[in-house]
Every structure is written in C-alpha cells, then in structure tokens.
Amino acid sequence: MSHSKAFVIFKNSGTLGISTFVGKIFYLLLFIIIGRYLGPSDLGKFSFAMSFAAIFFLVNDLGIRILAVREVSQDKNMTGKYLGNLVLLKLFLAALAFIGVFSVINLMGYPKETVTIVTLIALASLLIHFSTSFRWIFQAYQKLEYESLVGVIQDLGNLILGCLALILNIGILGIGYSQIAVGILIVLLSWFIVDRKFHRVKIEMDLTFCKDLLKESVPFALMLVFATLYLNADTVLLSFFKGDHSVGLYNAANRLALALRMVPAVFISAFFPIVSELSKVSKVELNTFLEKSLAFMISLALPLSLGTTLLSKKIILFFYGQKFASSYSVLQIAIWGTFCMFLSVVLGYTLISLGKQKIYTQITGLGLGVNLVINFSLIPKLAQVGSSLAIFGTEFFVLGAVSYSIVKLLDFKIKALLPSILKIIAASLIMMGVLYVTENFHVLFCVGLGGISYFAALFSFKGIYGYNLYRVKDLILARL
C-alpha cells in the first residue's frame, strides 16, 4: 500500500476517531444527565422513542449510502449522478418513515406523553437521515474531517440544547424539540459544505437510475435492516413487556457498552474505501491486512471488556447514581456483546468488499432471529437482564458465522492470530491484577491505572506481532 494511502487512512482515522470520541461523550453526557435529572422512567421513554424511530427509519437508507460510497470512491465522475438523485430519494424515504412512526405509535395505545416524544424524535430523525443524502460524499472522497465536523456539531448541539430544556424545566418533551432544532442546523450545514467544497448540489430524479440503485442495494438494505432491528428490538420489546422503568435501567448500562462501539465504527469508516480497492488487488495482501486488523481490534476489545466487567458497579454508580445500581449486571453482559462486535464488523465489511454482501445479509438475518427468540424467551422472566443476554447471544452468533465465512472464502488462518492473542491476554491479566488491588479506589483512578498497566505490559511484550507499539501504522496498514 502506498504512503499516500497510508496518510489518508491515518488522517481519516485520527480525525474521525477524535471527533467520534468527542461526539459520543457529548451524547453519553446528555443520556446520563437525563437519567440523573429525570430518573429511570423518563430515560426509558427517551430510549424507547429513539429505538422505535430507528426501526422505522431503516427505510431511509436501504443500503444506498454504502453502495454510493463504493461506486463513487471508484469513479468520481459519478458524484453528480448519485448526489442529485439521492437528495430527493432519501427525502422521500425519510418522509415515508416518519409517516410510519406517527401512524403506528398512535395505534399502539401508549400514553400521550410517550406518543408525543416518539413523534418529536421521529421528526428529528427525518432531518438527520435526510442530511445523509449529502454526507456520504465525505467518505467516498476520503475527506472524513468534514463528517467529523458535522458529527461533533450535531452531538454538541443536542447536549447544549438538551441541557437548556432541562434547566428550563420543559422535561423530556424539551429534549425532543431541541433535537429537531439541531436536525435543521445539520441539514443546512451538510448542504452548504457539499455544495461549496465537493460538488454543486443539482437535484434530479432519474427514475430508471433510482430503480436500478434500489435493486442493487437490496442485499445492503436487508443487512442494515436486520442489524438495526436486533440492536433496537430489545428496547421496544422490553417497553412492551416491562414498561419504562426497566427500559431506563437497561439502557443506562447498554448505552455505555454501545458507546464503545465507536472504535470499530471509526476504523471501518476510514478503511472501507481502501479495503474495497485492496480486495481487487491481492488476496495475500488482504489476508495480511485482515490478520493485523483483527489483532489490533482484540488488543482494544479484550481489556475494555474485562475491565468493564470488573468495575461495572463502580461505573454505573459513578455515572447514574444509586437509582440505577441494579443496572450493573446488564453492563457486565452487554460489554461482551460489544467485544464480539469489535471483531465481527471487521469481518463483515471484508465480506462486503469481496462482493459477498448476500452472505453477510443472511448472517444478520439469522442473527435477528436469534435475537428475537432470546428476547421473547427471557424478557418476561429476567426483564432487562434478558435483553442484555439477547444482545450478547446475537453478537456471539454473528461473530461465529462471519468468521466461518471468511475462513472459507479467503482460506484465512485463525491460528496466525495466536501469538498476538497470547500477548494481549497476558497484558490483560496484568491489568486485571492491578484493578483487583486498587478496587477500593475511585473508579477514575482504577480506569487510568488499569489502562496504563495494560499498555505498558503490551509494550514490554513488543506489542502485537513483534511490533513496537510506536509503529501503530504498521498494525493498521499491515505492511512489514
């Protein structure tokens, strides 16, 4: 891989990584403040509204964004064609999703306040999803600094206006109104950046092009539908069976685990255009790249999962207070679902780069089935703990299935990861020992000292694959 491409990956990974981290912190702070200020029940209403809207707004993407990024990254001359058609197409799909949310929630017999907050969040979702009809260009052109800027402004705006709504005592409905205001800002900002920096926004509607686009995007669409459903069905079903209080307790912990998923999300956004190109060049290089990438992901996921499991009660009490104390067991389970996702997302997008999106779609569809079976079986008996077990079971199944597919397609040797995994496990055990010894200290001290001890141990073992950790670029780019 050339040095110019290496620079692109590091620029995009660094920029998007920092901004995603900052943005997720802003969003998580808003979530925590809602929980502390309004309590588990209102937090449950907000969580339900977000998940309920997310399920319907699946129709807004249908895999079109992934397809547009793949095609335009290979042929920039197609930018105008995709941009002009996606604006109207995604606006139509977003409006269709909003109508679906509004119609169904009014037929389900929920209290008026719940119906109102769901409607407000759905309107905000319409605006944010419409903004993606412009924002996909940032990834296709590998200029993710613009996506970083828009993302930070969105999350910071939600935090500031959300806190203002709580200060003014508008309550949970004020959160909904604040997110609508932010959505309007993001649409205008995204349009302005694309129009001035990338390509003139000239709206068109080529029905034949749109029809072919939708047809080709079906495998991506189903993949996204299945994945989004099994990430949100738990909250919706928990609301139906157990009510707002259980939803609040569950999401207080689950959102902390989900926040860590920004790490693989950043990695995927940065390398997907590159790995799509690499998959057409050399199977050997692709295997080497995948080997190093998985080792890198394990080096992050394992200590995060082990540390969170050990410190779960301290973490919950620190962020949410005593009212959410019973959420710690949810966090202990949910974090291992996140561990599986760190690895499965890398393998899944490798399948997409190989043109095997149908296989990934089938896997996510089966994963949804696993998720629904576990949720329906365990929620009535175990409430929020049942939902966390459903997420873990689903992610574990998906990881196993995509691993099998990659091994079969690429003749990938999983045993090649063993030397790195042993070093990571050894460093993680040292970290766990440090956390055990310092268990009576403040959680922030434990986290800081645990992180330092882990990376110091991994560094002393010469990192991963014999690399010094100062040469992280070699881990990501897989070039010796």
Protein backbone atom coordinates (compact mmCIF):
# COMPACT_ATOMS: atom_id res chain seq x y z
CA MET A 1 0.00 0.00 0.00
CA SER A 2 1.39 3.42 -0.98
CA HIS A 3 2.47 6.06 1.50
CA SER A 4 -0.23 8.42 0.18
CA LYS A 5 -2.91 5.88 1.02
CA ALA A 6 -1.28 5.30 4.37
CA PHE A 7 -1.51 9.01 5.06
CA VAL A 8 -5.18 9.06 4.02
CA ILE A 9 -6.05 6.26 6.42
CA PHE A 10 -4.23 7.88 9.31
CA LYS A 11 -5.67 11.30 8.63
CA ASN A 12 -9.20 9.90 8.40
CA SER A 13 -8.79 7.51 11.32
CA GLY A 14 -7.32 10.20 13.53
CA THR A 15 -9.75 12.94 12.60
CA LEU A 16 -12.85 10.78 12.72
CA GLY A 17 -11.62 8.95 15.78
CA ILE A 18 -11.16 12.09 17.84
CA SER A 19 -14.41 13.66 16.68
CA THR A 20 -16.39 10.46 17.18
CA PHE A 21 -14.98 10.10 20.67
CA VAL A 22 -15.85 13.69 21.49
CA GLY A 23 -19.30 13.37 19.91
CA LYS A 24 -20.09 10.15 21.75
CA ILE A 25 -19.02 11.74 25.01
CA PHE A 26 -21.43 14.62 24.35
CA TYR A 27 -24.26 12.20 23.55
CA LEU A 28 -23.49 9.98 26.53
CA LEU A 29 -23.39 13.03 28.81
CA LEU A 30 -26.86 14.02 27.61
CA PHE A 31 -28.09 10.49 28.28
CA ILE A 32 -26.56 10.45 31.76
CA ILE A 33 -27.95 13.91 32.58
CA ILE A 34 -31.45 12.83 31.52
CA GLY A 35 -31.14 9.79 33.78
CA ARG A 36 -29.87 11.76 36.76
CA TYR A 37 -32.26 14.68 36.29
CA LEU A 38 -35.47 12.87 35.29
CA GLY A 39 -34.95 9.30 36.58
CA PRO A 40 -35.31 5.81 35.06
CA SER A 41 -38.89 6.19 33.76
CA ASP A 42 -38.29 9.30 31.64
CA LEU A 43 -34.97 7.89 30.50
CA GLY A 44 -36.96 4.83 29.47
CA LYS A 45 -39.38 6.98 27.42
CA PHE A 46 -36.49 8.70 25.64
CA SER A 47 -34.73 5.39 24.94
CA PHE A 48 -37.93 3.83 23.64
CA ALA A 49 -38.53 6.81 21.33
CA MET A 50 -35.01 6.57 19.91
CA SER A 51 -35.26 2.82 19.29
CA PHE A 52 -38.82 2.92 17.95
CA ALA A 53 -37.92 5.66 15.45
CA ALA A 54 -34.69 3.88 14.46
CA ILE A 55 -36.61 0.78 13.40
CA PHE A 56 -38.85 2.74 11.01
CA PHE A 57 -36.04 4.90 9.66
CA LEU A 58 -34.35 1.80 8.34
CA VAL A 59 -36.30 2.52 5.17
CA ASN A 60 -34.35 5.76 4.73
CA ASP A 61 -31.04 4.10 3.92
CA LEU A 62 -31.78 0.73 2.34
CA GLY A 63 -28.04 0.29 1.83
CA ILE A 64 -27.91 3.17 -0.65
CA ARG A 65 -25.17 5.02 1.27
CA ILE A 66 -22.81 2.02 1.26
CA LEU A 67 -23.39 1.48 -2.44
CA ALA A 68 -22.86 5.17 -3.26
CA VAL A 69 -19.60 5.25 -1.29
CA ARG A 70 -18.33 2.12 -3.02
CA GLU A 71 -19.18 3.29 -6.53
CA VAL A 72 -18.09 6.94 -6.24
CA SER A 73 -14.85 6.01 -4.46
CA GLN A 74 -14.01 4.05 -7.61
CA ASP A 75 -15.33 6.61 -10.13
CA LYS A 76 -15.59 10.25 -9.05
CA ASN A 77 -17.36 11.14 -12.30
CA MET A 78 -20.50 9.52 -10.85
CA THR A 79 -20.68 12.05 -7.99
CA GLY A 80 -23.24 14.35 -9.59
CA LYS A 81 -25.47 11.49 -10.65
CA TYR A 82 -25.59 9.92 -7.18
CA LEU A 83 -25.84 13.22 -5.33
CA GLY A 84 -28.65 14.65 -7.45
CA ASN A 85 -30.79 11.54 -7.19
CA LEU A 86 -30.09 10.70 -3.55
CA VAL A 87 -31.33 14.06 -2.30
CA LEU A 88 -34.91 13.53 -3.48
CA LEU A 89 -34.87 9.76 -2.98
CA LYS A 90 -33.74 9.93 0.65
CA LEU A 91 -36.12 12.81 1.40
CA PHE A 92 -38.99 10.70 0.11
CA LEU A 93 -37.87 7.66 2.13
CA ALA A 94 -37.40 9.75 5.30
CA ALA A 95 -40.90 11.20 4.96
CA LEU A 96 -42.27 7.69 4.45
CA ALA A 97 -40.50 6.54 7.65
CA PHE A 98 -41.92 9.46 9.64
CA ILE A 99 -45.46 8.68 8.47
CA GLY A 100 -44.91 5.07 9.56
CA VAL A 101 -43.73 6.07 13.04
CA PHE A 102 -46.58 8.54 13.53
CA SER A 103 -49.24 6.10 12.36
CA VAL A 104 -48.11 3.04 14.31
CA ILE A 105 -47.36 4.76 17.63
CA ASN A 106 -50.86 6.29 17.62
CA LEU A 107 -52.37 2.83 17.19
CA MET A 108 -50.44 1.12 19.99
CA GLY A 109 -52.25 2.59 22.98
CA TYR A 110 -49.25 4.28 24.60
CA PRO A 111 -49.79 7.30 26.93
CA LYS A 112 -50.00 10.73 25.31
CA GLU A 113 -46.58 11.85 26.56
CA THR A 114 -44.91 8.75 25.08
CA VAL A 115 -46.67 9.30 21.74
CA THR A 116 -45.54 12.92 21.70
CA ILE A 117 -41.88 12.23 22.47
CA VAL A 118 -41.80 9.47 19.84
CA THR A 119 -43.26 11.87 17.25
CA LEU A 120 -40.73 14.58 18.10
CA ILE A 121 -37.78 12.19 17.93
CA ALA A 122 -39.11 10.84 14.62
CA LEU A 123 -39.19 14.35 13.15
CA ALA A 124 -35.64 14.97 14.33
CA SER A 125 -34.63 11.62 12.80
CA LEU A 126 -36.20 12.65 9.49
CA LEU A 127 -33.92 15.68 9.37
CA ILE A 128 -30.74 13.83 10.37
CA HIS A 129 -31.38 10.99 7.93
CA PHE A 130 -32.06 13.48 5.15
CA SER A 131 -28.67 15.09 5.86
CA THR A 132 -27.01 11.77 4.95
CA SER A 133 -28.08 12.35 1.34
CA PHE A 134 -25.13 14.79 1.30
CA ARG A 135 -22.78 13.41 3.94
CA TRP A 136 -21.93 10.11 2.20
CA ILE A 137 -19.68 12.15 -0.12
CA PHE A 138 -17.24 12.80 2.74
CA GLN A 139 -16.49 9.08 2.99
CA ALA A 140 -16.42 8.47 -0.77
CA TYR A 141 -13.84 11.25 -1.20
CA GLN A 142 -11.97 10.16 1.94
CA LYS A 143 -12.44 13.60 3.48
CA LEU A 144 -13.80 12.48 6.80
CA GLU A 145 -12.75 15.66 8.55
CA TYR A 146 -15.98 17.17 7.27
CA GLU A 147 -18.03 14.29 8.65
CA SER A 148 -16.18 14.79 11.90
CA LEU A 149 -17.11 18.46 12.00
CA VAL A 150 -20.79 17.81 11.27
CA GLY A 151 -20.95 14.96 13.79
CA VAL A 152 -19.42 16.99 16.62
CA ILE A 153 -21.74 19.93 15.95
CA GLN A 154 -24.73 17.58 15.99
CA ASP A 155 -23.83 15.93 19.31
CA LEU A 156 -22.70 19.17 20.95
CA GLY A 157 -25.91 20.88 19.82
CA ASN A 158 -28.02 18.06 21.25
CA LEU A 159 -26.14 18.31 24.56
CA ILE A 160 -26.36 22.09 24.90
CA LEU A 161 -29.99 22.46 23.83
CA GLY A 162 -31.00 19.33 25.74
CA CYS A 163 -29.47 20.65 28.95
CA LEU A 164 -31.15 24.01 28.33
CA ALA A 165 -34.51 22.25 28.01
CA LEU A 166 -33.93 20.50 31.35
CA ILE A 167 -32.81 23.73 33.03
CA LEU A 168 -35.97 25.45 31.76
CA ASN A 169 -37.94 22.54 33.22
CA ILE A 170 -39.51 21.60 29.86
CA GLY A 171 -38.85 17.95 30.66
CA ILE A 172 -38.47 15.05 28.27
CA LEU A 173 -40.52 16.79 25.55
CA GLY A 174 -38.00 19.62 25.58
CA ILE A 175 -35.32 17.10 24.62
CA GLY A 176 -37.39 16.23 21.54
CA TYR A 177 -37.82 19.86 20.49
CA SER A 178 -34.10 20.52 20.96
CA GLN A 179 -33.19 17.62 18.68
CA ILE A 180 -35.47 18.95 15.94
CA ALA A 181 -33.65 22.31 16.08
CA VAL A 182 -30.30 20.53 15.79
CA GLY A 183 -31.60 18.47 12.86
CA ILE A 184 -32.47 21.63 10.91
CA LEU A 185 -28.97 23.01 11.55
CA ILE A 186 -27.29 19.77 10.38
CA VAL A 187 -29.26 19.64 7.11
CA LEU A 188 -28.28 23.22 6.25
CA LEU A 189 -24.64 22.73 7.24
CA SER A 190 -24.26 19.47 5.28
CA TRP A 191 -25.81 21.00 2.16
CA PHE A 192 -23.52 24.05 2.41
CA ILE A 193 -20.29 22.03 2.80
CA VAL A 194 -21.05 19.63 -0.07
CA ASP A 195 -22.18 22.42 -2.39
CA ARG A 196 -19.12 24.59 -1.71
CA LYS A 197 -16.36 22.01 -1.23
CA PHE A 198 -17.24 18.96 -3.32
CA HIS A 199 -19.91 19.19 -5.98
CA ARG A 200 -22.69 21.54 -6.88
CA VAL A 201 -25.95 20.19 -5.49
CA LYS A 202 -28.16 19.86 -8.54
CA ILE A 203 -31.29 17.92 -7.69
CA GLU A 204 -32.54 15.50 -10.31
CA MET A 205 -34.76 12.45 -10.45
CA ASP A 206 -33.79 9.72 -12.89
CA LEU A 207 -36.41 7.06 -12.17
CA THR A 208 -34.53 4.35 -14.06
CA PHE A 209 -31.32 5.14 -12.15
CA CYS A 210 -33.15 5.16 -8.81
CA LYS A 211 -34.88 1.89 -9.61
CA ASP A 212 -31.58 0.22 -10.52
CA LEU A 213 -29.94 1.73 -7.43
CA LEU A 214 -32.63 0.37 -5.11
CA LYS A 215 -32.48 -3.02 -6.77
CA GLU A 216 -28.70 -3.27 -6.42
CA SER A 217 -28.82 -2.07 -2.82
CA VAL A 218 -31.23 -4.79 -1.65
CA PRO A 219 -28.54 -7.00 -0.04
CA PHE A 220 -27.12 -3.98 1.81
CA ALA A 221 -30.63 -2.91 2.78
CA LEU A 222 -31.51 -6.26 4.31
CA MET A 223 -28.19 -6.33 6.15
CA LEU A 224 -28.87 -2.93 7.69
CA VAL A 225 -32.49 -3.82 8.46
CA PHE A 226 -31.52 -6.99 10.30
CA ALA A 227 -28.66 -5.34 12.20
CA THR A 228 -30.72 -2.31 13.25
CA LEU A 229 -33.66 -4.44 14.30
CA TYR A 230 -31.65 -6.66 16.61
CA LEU A 231 -29.96 -3.59 18.12
CA ASN A 232 -33.31 -1.88 18.84
CA ALA A 233 -35.85 -4.68 19.22
CA ASP A 234 -34.71 -5.30 22.79
CA THR A 235 -35.72 -1.79 23.94
CA VAL A 236 -39.08 -1.93 22.13
CA LEU A 237 -39.93 -5.40 23.47
CA LEU A 238 -38.75 -4.50 26.95
CA SER A 239 -41.05 -1.48 26.89
CA PHE A 240 -43.96 -3.67 25.79
CA PHE A 241 -43.40 -6.37 28.44
CA LYS A 242 -41.96 -4.45 31.41
CA GLY A 243 -42.51 -0.70 30.94
CA ASP A 244 -40.44 2.49 31.07
CA HIS A 245 -38.61 1.78 34.34
CA SER A 246 -36.99 -1.43 33.05
CA VAL A 247 -36.18 0.26 29.76
CA GLY A 248 -34.41 3.04 31.65
CA LEU A 249 -32.38 0.62 33.76
CA TYR A 250 -31.43 -1.42 30.71
CA ASN A 251 -30.42 1.48 28.50
CA ALA A 252 -28.43 3.20 31.25
CA ALA A 253 -25.99 0.29 31.11
CA ASN A 254 -26.40 -0.70 27.47
CA ARG A 255 -25.64 2.83 26.22
CA LEU A 256 -22.30 2.72 27.99
CA ALA A 257 -21.45 -0.51 26.15
CA LEU A 258 -22.76 0.87 22.87
CA ALA A 259 -20.62 4.00 23.25
CA LEU A 260 -17.51 1.84 22.94
CA ARG A 261 -18.68 0.68 19.51
CA MET A 262 -17.46 3.97 18.12
CA VAL A 263 -13.99 2.39 17.97
CA PRO A 264 -14.75 -0.18 15.23
CA ALA A 265 -17.10 2.33 13.58
CA VAL A 266 -14.22 4.77 13.17
CA PHE A 267 -11.93 2.04 11.89
CA ILE A 268 -14.49 0.84 9.32
CA SER A 269 -15.27 4.34 8.05
CA ALA A 270 -11.60 5.03 7.46
CA PHE A 271 -10.58 1.81 5.73
CA PHE A 272 -13.70 0.63 3.88
CA PRO A 273 -12.94 2.53 0.65
CA ILE A 274 -9.33 1.26 0.86
CA VAL A 275 -10.19 -2.36 1.61
CA SER A 276 -12.69 -2.33 -1.28
CA GLU A 277 -9.79 -1.40 -3.53
CA LEU A 278 -7.38 -3.86 -1.91
CA SER A 279 -9.79 -6.77 -2.36
CA LYS A 280 -9.40 -6.39 -6.12
CA VAL A 281 -5.60 -6.39 -6.00
CA SER A 282 -4.23 -9.25 -3.89
CA LYS A 283 -5.72 -12.00 -1.76
CA VAL A 284 -2.42 -12.32 0.10
CA GLU A 285 -2.36 -8.61 0.98
CA LEU A 286 -6.00 -8.74 2.02
CA ASN A 287 -5.33 -11.69 4.34
CA THR A 288 -2.35 -9.91 5.89
CA PHE A 289 -4.37 -6.75 6.33
CA LEU A 290 -7.20 -8.69 7.96
CA GLU A 291 -4.85 -10.56 10.26
CA LYS A 292 -3.29 -7.37 11.58
CA SER A 293 -6.63 -5.59 11.84
CA LEU A 294 -8.18 -8.35 13.94
CA ALA A 295 -5.17 -8.42 16.25
CA PHE A 296 -5.46 -4.66 16.66
CA MET A 297 -9.18 -4.90 17.46
CA ILE A 298 -8.64 -7.69 20.01
CA SER A 299 -5.93 -5.60 21.67
CA LEU A 300 -8.58 -2.94 22.33
CA ALA A 301 -11.67 -5.06 22.92
CA LEU A 302 -10.34 -7.57 25.44
CA PRO A 303 -9.02 -5.16 28.09
CA LEU A 304 -12.11 -2.94 27.69
CA SER A 305 -14.41 -5.93 28.24
CA LEU A 306 -12.51 -7.41 31.17
CA GLY A 307 -12.05 -4.06 32.88
CA THR A 308 -15.70 -3.10 32.47
CA THR A 309 -16.83 -6.46 33.85
CA LEU A 310 -14.74 -5.99 36.97
CA LEU A 311 -15.63 -2.33 37.52
CA SER A 312 -19.27 -2.46 36.35
CA LYS A 313 -20.89 -1.50 39.67
CA LYS A 314 -18.49 1.39 40.24
CA ILE A 315 -19.09 2.63 36.68
CA ILE A 316 -22.89 2.59 37.00
CA LEU A 317 -22.88 4.37 40.36
CA PHE A 318 -20.39 6.96 39.11
CA PHE A 319 -22.43 7.88 36.04
CA TYR A 320 -26.03 7.41 37.15
CA GLY A 321 -26.18 7.19 40.93
CA GLN A 322 -27.86 4.79 43.33
CA LYS A 323 -31.21 4.80 41.48
CA PHE A 324 -29.58 2.75 38.71
CA ALA A 325 -27.49 0.44 40.94
CA SER A 326 -29.22 -2.69 39.64
CA SER A 327 -28.05 -1.90 36.08
CA TYR A 328 -24.53 -3.18 36.73
CA SER A 329 -25.37 -6.78 35.80
CA VAL A 330 -26.70 -5.57 32.43
CA LEU A 331 -23.39 -3.81 31.78
CA GLN A 332 -21.40 -6.94 32.67
CA ILE A 333 -23.25 -8.91 29.96
CA ALA A 334 -23.66 -6.18 27.32
CA ILE A 335 -19.94 -5.39 27.23
CA TRP A 336 -19.20 -8.87 25.87
CA GLY A 337 -21.65 -8.27 23.06
CA THR A 338 -19.53 -5.22 22.25
CA PHE A 339 -16.40 -7.39 22.32
CA CYS A 340 -17.89 -9.68 19.67
CA MET A 341 -18.97 -6.70 17.58
CA PHE A 342 -15.42 -5.27 17.53
CA LEU A 343 -14.36 -8.33 15.54
CA SER A 344 -17.49 -9.15 13.55
CA VAL A 345 -17.76 -5.68 11.99
CA VAL A 346 -14.25 -6.00 10.53
CA LEU A 347 -15.03 -9.43 9.13
CA GLY A 348 -18.45 -8.35 7.89
CA TYR A 349 -17.15 -5.38 5.93
CA THR A 350 -14.44 -7.60 4.49
CA LEU A 351 -17.24 -9.76 3.09
CA ILE A 352 -18.83 -6.65 1.57
CA SER A 353 -15.53 -5.61 0.00
CA LEU A 354 -15.38 -9.06 -1.61
CA GLY A 355 -18.83 -8.57 -3.09
CA LYS A 356 -20.28 -11.17 -0.70
CA GLN A 357 -22.85 -8.86 0.89
CA LYS A 358 -25.55 -11.51 0.40
CA ILE A 359 -23.71 -13.79 2.82
CA TYR A 360 -23.45 -11.01 5.39
CA THR A 361 -27.13 -10.26 4.88
CA GLN A 362 -28.06 -13.88 5.53
CA ILE A 363 -25.95 -13.88 8.69
CA THR A 364 -27.51 -10.71 10.08
CA GLY A 365 -30.97 -12.07 9.21
CA LEU A 366 -30.29 -15.23 11.20
CA GLY A 367 -28.86 -13.03 13.95
CA LEU A 368 -32.14 -11.15 14.13
CA GLY A 369 -33.96 -14.47 14.52
CA VAL A 370 -31.64 -15.46 17.37
CA ASN A 371 -32.19 -12.07 19.00
CA LEU A 372 -35.99 -12.25 18.87
CA VAL A 373 -36.10 -15.80 20.20
CA ILE A 374 -33.90 -14.92 23.19
CA ASN A 375 -35.76 -11.67 23.87
CA PHE A 376 -39.19 -13.27 23.81
CA SER A 377 -37.93 -16.15 25.97
CA LEU A 378 -36.06 -14.17 28.63
CA ILE A 379 -37.61 -10.69 28.95
CA PRO A 380 -40.79 -11.92 30.72
CA LYS A 381 -38.65 -13.71 33.33
CA LEU A 382 -35.45 -11.66 33.57
CA ALA A 383 -36.54 -8.21 32.31
CA GLN A 384 -33.52 -6.04 31.43
CA VAL A 385 -31.04 -8.85 32.11
CA GLY A 386 -32.85 -10.93 29.50
CA SER A 387 -32.40 -8.16 26.93
CA SER A 388 -28.67 -7.94 27.63
CA LEU A 389 -28.35 -11.71 27.18
CA ALA A 390 -30.16 -11.40 23.85
CA ILE A 391 -27.66 -8.81 22.59
CA PHE A 392 -24.70 -10.93 23.68
CA GLY A 393 -26.16 -14.11 22.18
CA THR A 394 -26.83 -12.37 18.89
CA GLU A 395 -23.39 -10.80 18.58
CA PHE A 396 -21.70 -14.10 19.50
CA PHE A 397 -23.67 -15.90 16.80
CA VAL A 398 -22.85 -13.26 14.17
CA LEU A 399 -19.15 -13.36 15.05
CA GLY A 400 -19.05 -17.14 14.69
CA ALA A 401 -20.88 -17.06 11.36
CA VAL A 402 -18.78 -14.32 9.72
CA SER A 403 -15.58 -15.97 10.98
CA TYR A 404 -16.58 -19.24 9.33
CA SER A 405 -17.38 -17.43 6.08
CA ILE A 406 -14.07 -15.55 5.96
CA VAL A 407 -12.05 -18.68 6.71
CA LYS A 408 -13.86 -20.49 3.91
CA LEU A 409 -13.60 -17.69 1.32
CA LEU A 410 -10.06 -16.48 1.94
CA ASP A 411 -8.51 -19.61 3.44
CA PHE A 412 -7.76 -17.36 6.40
CA LYS A 413 -5.66 -18.95 9.14
CA ILE A 414 -7.09 -18.02 12.53
CA LYS A 415 -4.15 -19.71 14.27
CA ALA A 416 -1.94 -16.97 12.82
CA LEU A 417 -3.51 -14.66 15.43
CA LEU A 418 -2.44 -16.87 18.34
CA PRO A 419 0.94 -15.19 19.14
CA SER A 420 -0.72 -11.78 19.33
CA ILE A 421 -3.68 -13.05 21.33
CA LEU A 422 -1.39 -14.62 23.93
CA LYS A 423 0.41 -11.30 24.42
CA ILE A 424 -2.89 -9.46 24.70
CA ILE A 425 -4.21 -11.96 27.25
CA ALA A 426 -1.03 -11.71 29.32
CA ALA A 427 -1.19 -7.90 29.34
CA SER A 428 -4.91 -8.04 30.20
CA LEU A 429 -4.26 -10.34 33.16
CA ILE A 430 -1.69 -7.89 34.50
CA MET A 431 -4.27 -5.12 34.14
CA MET A 432 -6.86 -7.22 35.98
CA GLY A 433 -4.42 -7.76 38.83
CA VAL A 434 -3.89 -4.01 39.11
CA LEU A 435 -7.66 -3.40 39.12
CA TYR A 436 -8.18 -6.02 41.80
CA VAL A 437 -5.54 -4.48 44.06
CA THR A 438 -6.99 -0.98 43.62
CA GLU A 439 -10.68 -1.99 43.88
CA ASN A 440 -11.27 0.35 46.86
CA PHE A 441 -10.06 3.43 45.00
CA HIS A 442 -12.14 5.84 42.90
CA VAL A 443 -13.29 4.41 39.58
CA LEU A 444 -11.43 7.03 37.51
CA PHE A 445 -8.18 6.18 39.28
CA CYS A 446 -8.79 2.48 38.64
CA VAL A 447 -9.52 3.05 34.94
CA GLY A 448 -6.46 5.25 34.45
CA LEU A 449 -4.06 2.97 36.28
CA GLY A 450 -5.55 -0.11 34.62
CA GLY A 451 -5.10 1.40 31.16
CA ILE A 452 -1.53 2.44 31.85
CA SER A 453 -0.62 -1.00 33.22
CA TYR A 454 -2.17 -2.74 30.20
CA PHE A 455 -0.40 -0.70 27.55
CA ALA A 456 2.85 -0.77 29.48
CA ALA A 457 2.65 -4.55 29.63
CA LEU A 458 1.76 -4.84 25.96
CA PHE A 459 4.63 -2.52 25.07
CA SER A 460 7.04 -4.61 27.11
CA PHE A 461 5.91 -7.67 25.16
CA LYS A 462 6.82 -5.76 21.96
CA GLY A 463 3.22 -5.10 21.13
CA ILE A 464 1.44 -7.18 18.55
CA TYR A 465 3.17 -9.39 16.00
CA GLY A 466 6.52 -8.30 17.37
CA TYR A 467 5.88 -4.64 16.53
CA ASN A 468 6.75 -1.82 18.82
CA LEU A 469 3.51 -0.02 19.65
CA TYR A 470 5.01 3.25 18.46
CA ARG A 471 4.57 1.84 14.96
CA VAL A 472 0.81 1.59 15.13
CA LYS A 473 0.54 2.44 11.44
CA ASP A 474 2.05 -0.97 10.62
CA LEU A 475 -0.67 -2.67 12.62
CA ILE A 476 -3.38 -0.84 10.71
CA LEU A 477 -1.85 -0.92 7.25
CA ALA A 478 -0.49 -4.46 7.55
CA ARG A 479 2.78 -3.61 5.85
CA LEU A 480 6.00 -5.10 7.25
